[in-house]
Amino acid sequence: MPLPEKLSGKQRRALRARAHHLNPVVSVGAAGLSDGVLAELDVALDGHELVKLRISADDRAQRKELIDTLCRRANAELIQRIGHTAVLYRERPEVEPPATIKRISPK
């Protein structure tokens, strides 16, 4: 997957405003990253584009490393990081509308 294009400052501000009211939907516990956490993040980003995370690591450097790893592995862009909370964004791919079904009228 290609990396997301860099967002402008104006786009980041708009995304931070949208994320303000969100509750964290993915939590990274003391056990760190697992395949389950990455799968849940992938599902959340596919469904919502903008996701708030809660990271339980006590060390600031460890939190930064976890967030950087999450961004890289989920192909997402970090929008904001404050304390134990981070906001990630990944644009949802365009989905083609389902083909229309033609009804055959009874003769």
N, C-alpha and C. Protein backbone atom coordinates (compact mmCIF):
# COMPACT_ATOMS: atom_id res chain seq x y z
N MET A 1 0.83 -1.19 0.00
CA MET A 1 0.00 0.00 0.00
C MET A 1 0.87 1.24 0.00
N PRO A 2 0.53 2.23 -0.80
CA PRO A 2 1.31 3.46 -0.79
C PRO A 2 1.04 4.25 0.47
N LEU A 3 2.02 5.03 0.89
CA LEU A 3 1.84 5.89 2.06
C LEU A 3 0.85 6.99 1.73
N PRO A 4 0.09 7.44 2.73
CA PRO A 4 -0.86 8.53 2.47
C PRO A 4 -0.11 9.82 2.15
N GLU A 5 -0.74 10.65 1.35
CA GLU A 5 -0.15 11.95 1.04
C GLU A 5 -0.13 12.80 2.29
N LYS A 6 0.86 13.67 2.38
CA LYS A 6 0.95 14.55 3.53
C LYS A 6 -0.21 15.54 3.52
N LEU A 7 -0.76 15.77 4.69
CA LEU A 7 -1.88 16.69 4.82
C LEU A 7 -1.36 18.10 5.09
N SER A 8 -2.11 19.07 4.64
CA SER A 8 -1.75 20.46 4.91
C SER A 8 -2.13 20.81 6.34
N GLY A 9 -1.63 21.93 6.82
CA GLY A 9 -1.96 22.38 8.18
C GLY A 9 -3.45 22.63 8.35
N LYS A 10 -4.08 23.16 7.31
CA LYS A 10 -5.52 23.44 7.36
C LYS A 10 -6.31 22.13 7.45
N GLN A 11 -5.88 21.11 6.70
CA GLN A 11 -6.56 19.81 6.76
C GLN A 11 -6.38 19.17 8.13
N ARG A 12 -5.17 19.27 8.71
CA ARG A 12 -4.92 18.72 10.04
C ARG A 12 -5.79 19.40 11.09
N ARG A 13 -5.91 20.72 11.01
CA ARG A 13 -6.77 21.44 11.97
C ARG A 13 -8.20 20.96 11.88
N ALA A 14 -8.69 20.78 10.66
CA ALA A 14 -10.07 20.31 10.47
C ALA A 14 -10.24 18.90 11.04
N LEU A 15 -9.25 18.04 10.83
CA LEU A 15 -9.34 16.67 11.36
C LEU A 15 -9.24 16.66 12.88
N ARG A 16 -8.39 17.53 13.46
CA ARG A 16 -8.32 17.62 14.92
C ARG A 16 -9.66 18.07 15.50
N ALA A 17 -10.31 19.00 14.82
CA ALA A 17 -11.62 19.47 15.28
C ALA A 17 -12.65 18.34 15.22
N ARG A 18 -12.62 17.55 14.14
CA ARG A 18 -13.54 16.41 14.02
C ARG A 18 -13.27 15.35 15.08
N ALA A 19 -12.01 15.18 15.46
CA ALA A 19 -11.63 14.13 16.40
C ALA A 19 -11.86 14.53 17.85
N HIS A 20 -12.05 15.81 18.11
CA HIS A 20 -12.16 16.29 19.48
C HIS A 20 -13.22 15.54 20.29
N HIS A 21 -14.37 15.31 19.72
CA HIS A 21 -15.48 14.69 20.46
C HIS A 21 -15.43 13.16 20.46
N LEU A 22 -14.50 12.56 19.72
CA LEU A 22 -14.43 11.11 19.63
C LEU A 22 -13.91 10.48 20.92
N ASN A 23 -14.38 9.29 21.19
CA ASN A 23 -13.85 8.49 22.28
C ASN A 23 -12.84 7.50 21.69
N PRO A 24 -11.82 7.12 22.47
CA PRO A 24 -10.87 6.14 21.95
C PRO A 24 -11.58 4.82 21.63
N VAL A 25 -11.32 4.30 20.42
CA VAL A 25 -11.96 3.04 20.01
C VAL A 25 -10.95 1.90 19.99
N VAL A 26 -9.67 2.21 20.06
CA VAL A 26 -8.62 1.19 20.11
C VAL A 26 -7.73 1.51 21.28
N SER A 27 -7.42 0.49 22.09
CA SER A 27 -6.53 0.66 23.23
C SER A 27 -5.33 -0.26 23.08
N VAL A 28 -4.16 0.30 23.31
CA VAL A 28 -2.93 -0.49 23.33
C VAL A 28 -2.57 -0.63 24.79
N GLY A 29 -2.64 -1.85 25.31
CA GLY A 29 -2.39 -2.10 26.72
C GLY A 29 -0.92 -2.29 27.03
N ALA A 30 -0.67 -2.77 28.23
CA ALA A 30 0.70 -2.96 28.70
C ALA A 30 1.43 -4.02 27.88
N ALA A 31 0.68 -4.94 27.26
CA ALA A 31 1.30 -6.00 26.46
C ALA A 31 1.85 -5.45 25.15
N GLY A 32 1.50 -4.22 24.78
CA GLY A 32 2.02 -3.60 23.56
C GLY A 32 1.21 -4.00 22.34
N LEU A 33 1.87 -3.95 21.19
CA LEU A 33 1.20 -4.24 19.93
C LEU A 33 1.03 -5.74 19.74
N SER A 34 -0.12 -6.11 19.25
CA SER A 34 -0.38 -7.49 18.89
C SER A 34 -1.10 -7.49 17.55
N ASP A 35 -1.22 -8.66 16.97
CA ASP A 35 -1.94 -8.76 15.70
C ASP A 35 -3.39 -8.34 15.87
N GLY A 36 -3.98 -8.63 17.03
CA GLY A 36 -5.36 -8.24 17.30
C GLY A 36 -5.55 -6.74 17.35
N VAL A 37 -4.60 -6.04 17.97
CA VAL A 37 -4.67 -4.57 18.04
C VAL A 37 -4.56 -3.98 16.64
N LEU A 38 -3.63 -4.50 15.85
CA LEU A 38 -3.47 -3.99 14.48
C LEU A 38 -4.69 -4.28 13.63
N ALA A 39 -5.28 -5.46 13.80
CA ALA A 39 -6.49 -5.81 13.04
C ALA A 39 -7.64 -4.89 13.43
N GLU A 40 -7.80 -4.62 14.73
CA GLU A 40 -8.88 -3.75 15.21
C GLU A 40 -8.68 -2.33 14.70
N LEU A 41 -7.44 -1.86 14.69
CA LEU A 41 -7.14 -0.53 14.17
C LEU A 41 -7.47 -0.46 12.68
N ASP A 42 -7.12 -1.49 11.95
CA ASP A 42 -7.39 -1.53 10.51
C ASP A 42 -8.90 -1.46 10.24
N VAL A 43 -9.67 -2.23 11.01
CA VAL A 43 -11.14 -2.22 10.85
C VAL A 43 -11.70 -0.84 11.19
N ALA A 44 -11.21 -0.25 12.28
CA ALA A 44 -11.69 1.07 12.70
C ALA A 44 -11.37 2.14 11.66
N LEU A 45 -10.16 2.11 11.10
CA LEU A 45 -9.79 3.09 10.08
C LEU A 45 -10.58 2.90 8.80
N ASP A 46 -10.84 1.64 8.43
CA ASP A 46 -11.66 1.38 7.24
C ASP A 46 -13.08 1.92 7.42
N GLY A 47 -13.60 1.81 8.62
CA GLY A 47 -14.97 2.24 8.87
C GLY A 47 -15.13 3.72 9.13
N HIS A 48 -14.11 4.34 9.73
CA HIS A 48 -14.28 5.72 10.20
C HIS A 48 -13.29 6.73 9.64
N GLU A 49 -12.19 6.30 9.07
CA GLU A 49 -11.10 7.16 8.58
C GLU A 49 -10.33 7.84 9.71
N LEU A 50 -11.00 8.34 10.70
CA LEU A 50 -10.39 9.09 11.79
C LEU A 50 -10.64 8.33 13.09
N VAL A 51 -9.55 7.96 13.78
CA VAL A 51 -9.68 7.10 14.95
C VAL A 51 -8.84 7.66 16.09
N LYS A 52 -9.41 7.62 17.29
CA LYS A 52 -8.68 8.03 18.49
C LYS A 52 -8.22 6.77 19.22
N LEU A 53 -6.96 6.77 19.65
CA LEU A 53 -6.35 5.63 20.34
C LEU A 53 -5.99 6.00 21.76
N ARG A 54 -5.94 4.99 22.61
CA ARG A 54 -5.47 5.17 23.99
C ARG A 54 -4.28 4.24 24.16
N ILE A 55 -3.14 4.78 24.57
CA ILE A 55 -1.92 4.00 24.73
C ILE A 55 -1.52 4.01 26.19
N SER A 56 -1.38 2.83 26.79
CA SER A 56 -1.15 2.71 28.22
C SER A 56 0.32 2.73 28.64
N ALA A 57 1.25 2.85 27.72
CA ALA A 57 2.67 2.86 28.08
C ALA A 57 2.99 4.09 28.94
N ASP A 58 3.78 3.87 30.00
CA ASP A 58 4.11 4.97 30.91
C ASP A 58 5.22 5.87 30.37
N ASP A 59 6.16 5.30 29.63
CA ASP A 59 7.30 6.04 29.12
C ASP A 59 6.93 6.79 27.85
N ARG A 60 7.23 8.07 27.81
CA ARG A 60 6.89 8.92 26.67
C ARG A 60 7.54 8.42 25.38
N ALA A 61 8.81 8.04 25.46
CA ALA A 61 9.53 7.54 24.28
C ALA A 61 8.89 6.25 23.77
N GLN A 62 8.47 5.39 24.69
CA GLN A 62 7.82 4.13 24.30
C GLN A 62 6.48 4.41 23.62
N ARG A 63 5.70 5.38 24.14
CA ARG A 63 4.43 5.76 23.50
C ARG A 63 4.67 6.28 22.09
N LYS A 64 5.68 7.13 21.93
CA LYS A 64 6.00 7.69 20.61
C LYS A 64 6.38 6.56 19.64
N GLU A 65 7.18 5.63 20.11
CA GLU A 65 7.59 4.51 19.25
C GLU A 65 6.39 3.64 18.87
N LEU A 66 5.48 3.38 19.82
CA LEU A 66 4.28 2.60 19.52
C LEU A 66 3.40 3.30 18.49
N ILE A 67 3.23 4.60 18.65
CA ILE A 67 2.40 5.37 17.72
C ILE A 67 3.02 5.37 16.33
N ASP A 68 4.34 5.57 16.26
CA ASP A 68 5.02 5.55 14.97
C ASP A 68 4.88 4.19 14.28
N THR A 69 5.00 3.12 15.06
CA THR A 69 4.84 1.77 14.52
C THR A 69 3.42 1.54 14.04
N LEU A 70 2.44 1.99 14.82
CA LEU A 70 1.04 1.85 14.41
C LEU A 70 0.77 2.59 13.11
N CYS A 71 1.28 3.81 13.00
CA CYS A 71 1.08 4.59 11.77
C CYS A 71 1.69 3.88 10.57
N ARG A 72 2.89 3.39 10.74
CA ARG A 72 3.58 2.74 9.63
C ARG A 72 2.87 1.45 9.22
N ARG A 73 2.50 0.62 10.19
CA ARG A 73 1.89 -0.67 9.87
C ARG A 73 0.45 -0.54 9.40
N ALA A 74 -0.26 0.51 9.83
CA ALA A 74 -1.65 0.72 9.41
C ALA A 74 -1.74 1.64 8.21
N ASN A 75 -0.60 2.15 7.74
CA ASN A 75 -0.58 3.08 6.61
C ASN A 75 -1.46 4.29 6.91
N ALA A 76 -1.30 4.82 8.12
CA ALA A 76 -2.11 5.96 8.57
C ALA A 76 -1.20 7.13 8.90
N GLU A 77 -1.80 8.28 9.04
CA GLU A 77 -1.05 9.49 9.36
C GLU A 77 -1.45 9.98 10.75
N LEU A 78 -0.44 10.34 11.54
CA LEU A 78 -0.69 10.88 12.87
C LEU A 78 -1.22 12.30 12.74
N ILE A 79 -2.36 12.56 13.34
CA ILE A 79 -2.96 13.89 13.31
C ILE A 79 -2.64 14.65 14.58
N GLN A 80 -2.67 13.94 15.71
CA GLN A 80 -2.45 14.61 17.00
C GLN A 80 -2.01 13.58 18.02
N ARG A 81 -1.14 14.01 18.93
CA ARG A 81 -0.71 13.17 20.04
C ARG A 81 -0.69 14.05 21.28
N ILE A 82 -1.49 13.66 22.27
CA ILE A 82 -1.53 14.39 23.54
C ILE A 82 -1.51 13.35 24.66
N GLY A 83 -0.45 13.32 25.42
CA GLY A 83 -0.35 12.38 26.53
C GLY A 83 -0.48 10.94 26.07
N HIS A 84 -1.47 10.24 26.61
CA HIS A 84 -1.70 8.84 26.29
C HIS A 84 -2.68 8.65 25.14
N THR A 85 -3.04 9.72 24.47
CA THR A 85 -4.05 9.66 23.40
C THR A 85 -3.44 10.12 22.08
N ALA A 86 -3.81 9.41 21.02
CA ALA A 86 -3.35 9.77 19.67
C ALA A 86 -4.53 9.68 18.72
N VAL A 87 -4.47 10.48 17.67
CA VAL A 87 -5.50 10.46 16.63
C VAL A 87 -4.82 10.11 15.31
N LEU A 88 -5.33 9.07 14.64
CA LEU A 88 -4.78 8.63 13.36
C LEU A 88 -5.82 8.80 12.27
N TYR A 89 -5.33 9.04 11.05
CA TYR A 89 -6.21 9.23 9.90
C TYR A 89 -5.69 8.41 8.73
N ARG A 90 -6.60 7.73 8.07
CA ARG A 90 -6.31 7.05 6.82
C ARG A 90 -7.53 7.20 5.93
N GLU A 91 -7.31 7.79 4.76
CA GLU A 91 -8.42 8.03 3.85
C GLU A 91 -9.03 6.70 3.42
N ARG A 92 -10.34 6.68 3.44
CA ARG A 92 -11.07 5.48 3.03
C ARG A 92 -10.99 5.35 1.52
N PRO A 93 -10.69 4.15 1.01
CA PRO A 93 -10.64 4.01 -0.45
C PRO A 93 -12.02 4.18 -1.06
N GLU A 94 -12.03 4.69 -2.28
CA GLU A 94 -13.30 4.85 -2.98
C GLU A 94 -13.90 3.48 -3.25
N VAL A 95 -15.16 3.34 -2.94
CA VAL A 95 -15.87 2.08 -3.17
C VAL A 95 -16.83 2.28 -4.32
N GLU A 96 -16.75 1.37 -5.27
CA GLU A 96 -17.66 1.47 -6.40
C GLU A 96 -19.07 1.11 -5.96
N PRO A 97 -20.06 1.85 -6.45
CA PRO A 97 -21.43 1.52 -6.07
C PRO A 97 -21.81 0.16 -6.64
N PRO A 98 -22.68 -0.56 -5.95
CA PRO A 98 -23.08 -1.86 -6.45
C PRO A 98 -23.79 -1.73 -7.79
N ALA A 99 -23.62 -2.74 -8.62
CA ALA A 99 -24.27 -2.74 -9.93
C ALA A 99 -25.79 -2.79 -9.73
N THR A 100 -26.48 -2.08 -10.58
CA THR A 100 -27.94 -2.09 -10.47
C THR A 100 -28.48 -3.39 -11.04
N ILE A 101 -29.51 -3.85 -10.43
CA ILE A 101 -30.15 -5.10 -10.86
C ILE A 101 -31.37 -4.75 -11.70
N LYS A 102 -31.40 -5.28 -12.87
CA LYS A 102 -32.55 -5.02 -13.74
C LYS A 102 -33.61 -6.07 -13.44
N ARG A 103 -34.79 -5.59 -13.22
CA ARG A 103 -35.90 -6.50 -12.97
C ARG A 103 -36.49 -6.93 -14.30
N ILE A 104 -36.79 -8.18 -14.36
CA ILE A 104 -37.45 -8.70 -15.56
C ILE A 104 -38.94 -8.74 -15.27
N SER A 105 -39.67 -8.05 -16.12
CA SER A 105 -41.12 -7.99 -15.89
C SER A 105 -41.78 -9.28 -16.40
N PRO A 106 -42.78 -9.73 -15.65
CA PRO A 106 -43.48 -10.95 -16.06
C PRO A 106 -44.26 -10.70 -17.37
N LYS A 107 -44.32 -11.73 -18.20
CA LYS A 107 -44.98 -11.61 -19.50
C LYS A 107 -46.34 -12.24 -19.48
